[in-house]
Amino acid sequence: MKRQVKSVLCGGAVLALLAWTVHTILQEQTPGQLASALLSADWRVLLLGLPLMALFLCCEAKATHAVLRALGCPQPFRRCAYYSSVGFFFSTITPSATGGQPAQVVAMGRDGVPAASGALDMLLVTIGYNTAAMFWGIYALLTAGGLTERLGGQVGLLLGLGLAIFALLDVFMFLFLFLPGPAKKLLYGCIALAARIYPPLDREALEARADAHLAEYRRGAGLIRRNPVLLAQVVGLSVVQLACTYAMPYVVYRAFGLSGFGLGEIMALQALCSIAVGYLPLPGSAGAAENVFLRGFLLIYGEALVAPAMILSRTLNCYLVLLATGAVLAAGRALRRTPPAAERESAGPKKSVEPGKAA
């Protein structure tokens, strides 16, 4: 019942934000003007977004490929690309991207990857992603800090909250990874405090879950000690992965024939916008990402083009990739349900044997 209520509330919030986005767009221009602006974009330039998003998926696939190989359960790169597609699809359709990693672990398990190894891979990929997001956030603040003024007060508040969440998660993950003793004391202290505030809390169950998570981090630390370059490789791939999606507004910018702002400035602004909505409990940050884009990129595109630019950017780096990864997921499941030719032949109709001729 609680899950249903949560899903209804989440869906209602998404629909409300999307409705507000549509209302905001149509206040500024008519549907005809919007269509005319969309058609004015150079589609040859927009096609550059397709290889960028393919590289986005391949970066995570390469990270998973490297981690699974280091764990002794290697998978072909094409299977790792499939896991990456599964992760993107379920992350986009679930609040706060919570469904992507469990779905990836399940997909790996179907290929014979132990659940513990799949979970450790996801842990290291998450550490890489969060660290890369922090890198881009710091880069944006250092090189284009004035851009935060264009986001407005409310978006600035979301940006501060997003940066704080990314920073805390990064600190905690590295603490758990390399200082398990203090991490355990910290976790147990938080559980004890929560139990005092809310006595019905099952303290023993929470401590058992904490121990299980800490054991996973210990395995990760051992893997990194044996392969010291692995974590740097995963972080580097995550930096490139995020660069692909942060560059998308620049592709749209050039498609409209605009100039005056450089690639670095636009990527920095997109990084700040993404961090501002990254941890909102909305599927794919739907609604919030569109509204933040309309505010943040108003000076970049101008009133006439900011809404069309938002539509094209979100289509290229989210909705189109969602369709593509959904198709990959559907094809993968269909192929899994279809037995190989040799298996079909061996499972064909058997000739009946007369009782008198039985061996």
Protein backbone atom coordinates (compact mmCIF):
# COMPACT_ATOMS: atom_id res chain seq x y z
CA MET A 1 0.00 0.00 0.00
CA LYS A 2 2.84 2.40 0.91
CA ARG A 3 4.56 1.66 -2.42
CA GLN A 4 1.36 2.44 -4.32
CA VAL A 5 0.92 5.74 -2.46
CA LYS A 6 4.57 6.62 -3.11
CA SER A 7 4.20 5.82 -6.82
CA VAL A 8 1.01 7.90 -7.08
CA LEU A 9 2.63 10.86 -5.31
CA CYS A 10 5.75 10.60 -7.46
CA GLY A 11 3.73 10.33 -10.67
CA GLY A 12 1.56 13.26 -9.61
CA ALA A 13 4.63 15.41 -8.93
CA VAL A 14 6.10 14.55 -12.34
CA LEU A 15 2.84 15.35 -14.14
CA ALA A 16 2.48 18.63 -12.25
CA LEU A 17 6.03 19.71 -13.11
CA LEU A 18 5.61 18.73 -16.75
CA ALA A 19 2.29 20.58 -16.91
CA TRP A 20 3.96 23.66 -15.43
CA THR A 21 6.77 23.34 -18.00
CA VAL A 22 4.28 23.20 -20.89
CA HIS A 23 2.38 26.14 -19.41
CA THR A 24 5.62 28.17 -19.13
CA ILE A 25 6.61 27.39 -22.71
CA LEU A 26 3.20 28.24 -24.19
CA GLN A 27 3.10 31.52 -22.26
CA GLU A 28 6.14 32.71 -24.20
CA GLN A 29 5.32 31.38 -27.69
CA THR A 30 2.58 29.71 -29.69
CA PRO A 31 2.80 26.06 -30.81
CA GLY A 32 3.40 27.32 -34.36
CA GLN A 33 6.35 29.46 -33.27
CA LEU A 34 7.74 26.55 -31.27
CA ALA A 35 7.48 24.20 -34.25
CA SER A 36 9.07 26.77 -36.54
CA ALA A 37 12.01 27.19 -34.15
CA LEU A 38 12.49 23.42 -33.86
CA LEU A 39 12.52 23.04 -37.63
CA SER A 40 15.09 25.84 -37.97
CA ALA A 41 17.74 23.72 -36.19
CA ASP A 42 20.36 22.10 -38.43
CA TRP A 43 19.58 18.40 -38.12
CA ARG A 44 23.01 17.48 -39.51
CA VAL A 45 24.58 19.08 -36.42
CA LEU A 46 22.01 17.49 -34.11
CA LEU A 47 23.04 14.06 -35.41
CA LEU A 48 26.35 14.59 -33.57
CA GLY A 49 24.37 13.97 -30.39
CA LEU A 50 23.80 10.34 -31.30
CA PRO A 51 27.46 9.20 -31.14
CA LEU A 52 27.88 11.29 -27.98
CA MET A 53 25.12 9.38 -26.19
CA ALA A 54 26.42 6.07 -27.58
CA LEU A 55 29.79 6.96 -26.04
CA PHE A 56 27.93 7.83 -22.81
CA LEU A 57 26.62 4.27 -22.58
CA CYS A 58 29.91 2.74 -23.72
CA CYS A 59 31.89 4.51 -20.97
CA GLU A 60 29.87 2.81 -18.25
CA ALA A 61 30.03 -0.46 -20.17
CA LYS A 62 33.83 -0.20 -20.31
CA ALA A 63 33.97 0.50 -16.56
CA THR A 64 31.85 -2.59 -15.85
CA HIS A 65 33.96 -4.61 -18.29
CA ALA A 66 37.14 -3.63 -16.41
CA VAL A 67 35.69 -4.29 -12.94
CA LEU A 68 34.22 -7.70 -13.80
CA ARG A 69 37.51 -8.74 -15.42
CA ALA A 70 39.37 -7.71 -12.24
CA LEU A 71 36.88 -9.74 -10.18
CA GLY A 72 37.59 -12.87 -12.23
CA CYS A 73 34.18 -13.09 -13.89
CA PRO A 74 34.77 -11.32 -17.23
CA GLN A 75 31.94 -10.69 -19.66
CA PRO A 76 32.15 -9.68 -23.35
CA PHE A 77 31.96 -5.94 -23.93
CA ARG A 78 28.66 -6.35 -25.80
CA ARG A 79 27.10 -7.85 -22.64
CA CYS A 80 28.49 -4.99 -20.56
CA ALA A 81 26.91 -2.58 -23.07
CA TYR A 82 23.62 -4.42 -22.50
CA TYR A 83 23.99 -3.99 -18.70
CA SER A 84 24.64 -0.28 -19.26
CA SER A 85 21.47 -0.01 -21.37
CA VAL A 86 19.45 -1.80 -18.69
CA GLY A 87 20.82 0.58 -16.07
CA PHE A 88 20.00 3.71 -18.06
CA PHE A 89 16.47 2.54 -18.84
CA PHE A 90 15.49 1.63 -15.27
CA SER A 91 17.34 4.60 -13.75
CA THR A 92 15.35 6.95 -15.97
CA ILE A 93 11.93 5.51 -15.12
CA THR A 94 12.42 5.15 -11.34
CA PRO A 95 12.61 7.89 -8.67
CA SER A 96 16.17 9.05 -7.85
CA ALA A 97 17.46 6.45 -10.35
CA THR A 98 17.00 3.72 -7.71
CA GLY A 99 15.96 0.97 -10.12
CA GLY A 100 18.94 0.96 -12.47
CA GLN A 101 21.60 -0.79 -10.42
CA PRO A 102 19.40 -3.63 -9.03
CA ALA A 103 18.25 -4.33 -12.59
CA GLN A 104 21.87 -4.45 -13.76
CA VAL A 105 22.83 -6.89 -10.99
CA VAL A 106 19.91 -9.13 -12.01
CA ALA A 107 20.98 -8.96 -15.68
CA MET A 108 24.54 -9.89 -14.73
CA GLY A 109 23.26 -12.76 -12.59
CA ARG A 110 21.47 -14.23 -15.60
CA ASP A 111 24.87 -14.38 -17.32
CA GLY A 112 26.42 -16.22 -14.40
CA VAL A 113 27.99 -13.23 -12.61
CA PRO A 114 27.69 -13.78 -8.82
CA ALA A 115 25.42 -11.26 -7.12
CA ALA A 116 28.26 -10.16 -4.83
CA SER A 117 30.47 -9.36 -7.82
CA GLY A 118 27.64 -7.52 -9.58
CA ALA A 119 26.94 -5.47 -6.46
CA LEU A 120 30.65 -4.63 -6.07
CA ASP A 121 30.80 -3.52 -9.70
CA MET A 122 27.84 -1.23 -9.14
CA LEU A 123 29.47 0.13 -5.99
CA LEU A 124 32.66 1.08 -7.81
CA VAL A 125 30.72 2.53 -10.77
CA THR A 126 28.66 4.63 -8.33
CA ILE A 127 31.81 5.90 -6.62
CA GLY A 128 33.23 6.78 -10.04
CA TYR A 129 30.04 8.56 -11.12
CA ASN A 130 29.69 10.60 -7.92
CA THR A 131 33.37 11.55 -7.96
CA ALA A 132 33.09 12.61 -11.61
CA ALA A 133 29.97 14.68 -10.84
CA MET A 134 31.86 16.43 -8.03
CA PHE A 135 34.78 17.06 -10.40
CA TRP A 136 32.47 18.69 -12.94
CA GLY A 137 30.68 20.68 -10.23
CA ILE A 138 33.95 22.08 -8.86
CA TYR A 139 35.18 22.76 -12.41
CA ALA A 140 31.98 24.69 -13.14
CA LEU A 141 32.19 26.77 -9.97
CA LEU A 142 35.88 27.58 -10.50
CA THR A 143 35.72 28.40 -14.20
CA ALA A 144 32.23 29.82 -14.56
CA GLY A 145 31.00 30.62 -11.06
CA GLY A 146 29.09 33.65 -12.38
CA LEU A 147 26.78 31.25 -14.20
CA THR A 148 25.13 30.38 -10.88
CA GLU A 149 23.54 33.84 -10.87
CA ARG A 150 21.64 32.90 -14.02
CA LEU A 151 20.03 29.96 -12.27
CA GLY A 152 18.00 32.10 -9.87
CA GLY A 153 17.48 31.74 -6.13
CA GLN A 154 15.33 28.60 -6.09
CA VAL A 155 17.57 26.72 -8.52
CA GLY A 156 20.61 27.99 -6.62
CA LEU A 157 19.18 26.41 -3.47
CA LEU A 158 18.71 23.10 -5.32
CA LEU A 159 22.28 23.39 -6.62
CA GLY A 160 23.66 23.89 -3.12
CA LEU A 161 21.65 20.92 -1.87
CA GLY A 162 22.76 18.75 -4.80
CA LEU A 163 26.43 19.62 -4.31
CA ALA A 164 26.14 18.90 -0.58
CA ILE A 165 24.55 15.50 -1.25
CA PHE A 166 27.19 14.55 -3.84
CA ALA A 167 29.98 15.69 -1.49
CA LEU A 168 28.59 13.82 1.53
CA LEU A 169 28.05 10.64 -0.47
CA ASP A 170 31.58 10.84 -1.85
CA VAL A 171 33.11 11.39 1.60
CA PHE A 172 31.10 8.54 3.13
CA MET A 173 31.84 6.11 0.29
CA PHE A 174 35.59 6.74 0.45
CA LEU A 175 35.44 6.54 4.24
CA PHE A 176 33.69 3.17 4.08
CA LEU A 177 36.11 2.03 1.40
CA PHE A 178 39.41 2.91 3.05
CA LEU A 179 38.61 3.44 6.77
CA PRO A 180 36.17 0.65 7.69
CA GLY A 181 36.77 0.96 11.46
CA PRO A 182 35.67 4.61 11.82
CA ALA A 183 32.94 3.98 9.23
CA LYS A 184 31.47 1.18 11.35
CA LYS A 185 31.49 3.37 14.48
CA LEU A 186 29.80 6.16 12.56
CA LEU A 187 27.12 3.85 11.16
CA TYR A 188 26.42 2.22 14.51
CA GLY A 189 26.25 5.66 16.15
CA CYS A 190 23.69 6.84 13.57
CA ILE A 191 21.62 3.69 14.09
CA ALA A 192 21.72 4.13 17.88
CA LEU A 193 20.61 7.76 17.53
CA ALA A 194 17.79 6.77 15.18
CA ALA A 195 16.67 4.04 17.63
CA ARG A 196 16.49 6.61 20.45
CA ILE A 197 14.43 8.98 18.34
CA TYR A 198 12.17 6.19 17.07
CA PRO A 199 12.15 3.27 19.60
CA PRO A 200 10.17 0.77 17.40
CA LEU A 201 13.14 0.75 14.97
CA ASP A 202 14.71 -2.72 14.55
CA ARG A 203 18.25 -1.83 15.61
CA GLU A 204 19.68 -5.34 15.20
CA ALA A 205 18.36 -5.68 11.65
CA LEU A 206 19.81 -2.30 10.69
CA GLU A 207 23.19 -3.21 12.19
CA ALA A 208 23.17 -6.48 10.26
CA ARG A 209 22.48 -4.58 7.03
CA ALA A 210 25.26 -2.12 7.89
CA ASP A 211 27.69 -5.01 8.41
CA ALA A 212 26.72 -6.47 5.03
CA HIS A 213 27.35 -3.13 3.30
CA LEU A 214 30.67 -2.68 5.09
CA ALA A 215 31.73 -6.17 3.99
CA GLU A 216 31.01 -5.12 0.39
CA TYR A 217 33.15 -2.04 0.81
CA ARG A 218 35.97 -4.15 2.29
CA ARG A 219 35.87 -6.34 -0.80
CA GLY A 220 36.02 -3.21 -2.93
CA ALA A 221 39.03 -1.90 -0.99
CA GLY A 222 40.80 -5.25 -1.43
CA LEU A 223 40.10 -5.19 -5.16
CA ILE A 224 41.51 -1.66 -5.45
CA ARG A 225 44.64 -2.62 -3.51
CA ARG A 226 45.23 -5.49 -5.92
CA ASN A 227 44.43 -3.26 -8.93
CA PRO A 228 45.43 0.30 -7.93
CA VAL A 229 44.72 1.70 -11.39
CA LEU A 230 41.16 0.35 -11.49
CA LEU A 231 39.47 3.10 -9.47
CA ALA A 232 41.25 5.82 -11.46
CA GLN A 233 40.11 4.11 -14.67
CA VAL A 234 36.49 3.99 -13.49
CA VAL A 235 36.55 7.64 -12.39
CA GLY A 236 38.16 8.71 -15.68
CA LEU A 237 35.52 6.88 -17.70
CA SER A 238 32.79 8.52 -15.60
CA VAL A 239 34.28 11.97 -16.27
CA VAL A 240 34.12 11.29 -20.02
CA GLN A 241 30.62 9.81 -19.65
CA LEU A 242 29.27 12.95 -18.00
CA ALA A 243 31.11 15.14 -20.52
CA CYS A 244 29.06 13.49 -23.28
CA THR A 245 25.73 14.49 -21.77
CA TYR A 246 26.94 17.92 -20.58
CA ALA A 247 28.06 18.73 -24.14
CA MET A 248 24.58 18.14 -25.56
CA PRO A 249 23.30 21.72 -25.07
CA TYR A 250 26.35 22.95 -27.01
CA VAL A 251 25.43 20.65 -29.91
CA VAL A 252 21.95 22.19 -29.90
CA TYR A 253 23.49 25.67 -29.56
CA ARG A 254 25.54 25.15 -32.71
CA ALA A 255 22.59 23.52 -34.49
CA PHE A 256 20.72 26.82 -34.12
CA GLY A 257 23.71 28.61 -35.65
CA LEU A 258 24.44 30.53 -32.42
CA SER A 259 27.85 31.72 -31.23
CA GLY A 260 29.35 33.79 -28.43
CA PHE A 261 29.49 31.14 -25.70
CA GLY A 262 32.15 28.44 -25.69
CA LEU A 263 31.87 24.70 -25.15
CA GLY A 264 33.39 24.96 -21.65
CA GLU A 265 30.88 27.57 -20.47
CA ILE A 266 27.86 25.65 -21.71
CA MET A 267 29.13 22.34 -20.31
CA ALA A 268 29.73 24.05 -16.94
CA LEU A 269 26.19 25.43 -16.88
CA GLN A 270 24.72 22.04 -17.80
CA ALA A 271 26.79 20.41 -15.05
CA LEU A 272 25.34 22.82 -12.49
CA CYS A 273 21.79 22.25 -13.77
CA SER A 274 22.23 18.46 -13.63
CA ILE A 275 23.61 18.55 -10.09
CA ALA A 276 20.70 20.76 -9.01
CA VAL A 277 18.12 18.12 -9.99
CA GLY A 278 20.23 14.94 -9.76
CA TYR A 279 18.90 13.71 -6.42
CA LEU A 280 15.30 14.86 -6.63
CA PRO A 281 13.00 11.84 -6.14
CA LEU A 282 11.59 12.05 -9.67
CA PRO A 283 11.97 9.54 -12.53
CA GLY A 284 14.70 10.91 -14.79
CA SER A 285 14.32 14.28 -12.97
CA ALA A 286 11.35 14.73 -15.33
CA GLY A 287 9.77 18.15 -15.07
CA ALA A 288 12.44 19.55 -12.76
CA ALA A 289 15.24 19.19 -15.35
CA GLU A 290 13.14 20.97 -17.98
CA ASN A 291 12.27 23.88 -15.66
CA VAL A 292 15.87 24.31 -14.50
CA PHE A 293 17.04 24.30 -18.14
CA LEU A 294 14.53 27.02 -19.07
CA ARG A 295 15.87 29.24 -16.30
CA GLY A 296 19.55 28.44 -16.55
CA PHE A 297 19.94 28.67 -20.32
CA LEU A 298 17.71 31.70 -20.95
CA LEU A 299 20.70 34.02 -21.46
CA ILE A 300 22.46 31.44 -23.66
CA TYR A 301 19.65 30.86 -26.16
CA GLY A 302 17.38 33.85 -25.67
CA GLU A 303 13.62 33.82 -25.08
CA ALA A 304 12.75 32.62 -28.59
CA LEU A 305 15.03 29.55 -28.58
CA VAL A 306 15.40 28.44 -24.96
CA ALA A 307 12.25 26.24 -25.03
CA PRO A 308 13.09 24.57 -28.38
CA ALA A 309 16.68 24.08 -27.13
CA MET A 310 15.37 22.41 -23.98
CA ILE A 311 13.16 20.07 -26.01
CA LEU A 312 16.01 19.09 -28.33
CA SER A 313 18.56 18.66 -25.53
CA ARG A 314 16.27 16.50 -23.40
CA THR A 315 15.23 14.50 -26.45
CA LEU A 316 18.84 13.74 -27.37
CA ASN A 317 20.29 13.01 -23.94
CA CYS A 318 17.26 11.42 -22.29
CA TYR A 319 14.12 10.52 -24.21
CA LEU A 320 15.75 9.22 -27.39
CA VAL A 321 18.26 7.19 -25.36
CA LEU A 322 15.39 5.89 -23.23
CA LEU A 323 13.68 4.58 -26.36
CA ALA A 324 16.92 3.07 -27.68
CA THR A 325 17.80 1.34 -24.40
CA GLY A 326 14.20 0.14 -24.04
CA ALA A 327 14.49 -1.46 -27.48
CA VAL A 328 17.82 -3.07 -26.48
CA LEU A 329 16.22 -4.40 -23.30
CA ALA A 330 13.22 -5.80 -25.19
CA ALA A 331 15.48 -7.42 -27.80
CA GLY A 332 17.69 -8.93 -25.08
CA ARG A 333 14.71 -10.46 -23.31
CA ALA A 334 13.26 -11.79 -26.56
CA LEU A 335 16.57 -13.43 -27.49
CA ARG A 336 16.84 -14.96 -24.02
CA ARG A 337 13.39 -16.50 -24.38
CA THR A 338 14.29 -17.94 -27.79
CA PRO A 339 16.28 -21.19 -27.38
CA PRO A 340 19.28 -21.79 -29.65
CA ALA A 341 18.72 -23.78 -32.86
CA ALA A 342 20.55 -26.86 -31.53
CA GLU A 343 18.43 -26.79 -28.39
CA ARG A 344 15.24 -26.51 -30.44
CA GLU A 345 16.26 -29.49 -32.55
CA SER A 346 17.07 -31.61 -29.52
CA ALA A 347 13.78 -30.62 -27.96
CA GLY A 348 11.82 -31.54 -31.13
CA PRO A 349 9.06 -34.15 -31.23
CA LYS A 350 10.26 -37.60 -30.27
CA LYS A 351 9.18 -40.72 -32.13
CA SER A 352 6.87 -42.93 -30.13
CA VAL A 353 8.21 -46.35 -29.23
CA GLU A 354 5.93 -49.34 -29.36
CA PRO A 355 5.74 -51.22 -26.06
CA GLY A 356 7.03 -54.38 -27.65
CA LYS A 357 10.10 -52.63 -29.09
CA ALA A 358 11.13 -50.88 -25.91
CA ALA A 359 14.79 -51.45 -25.02
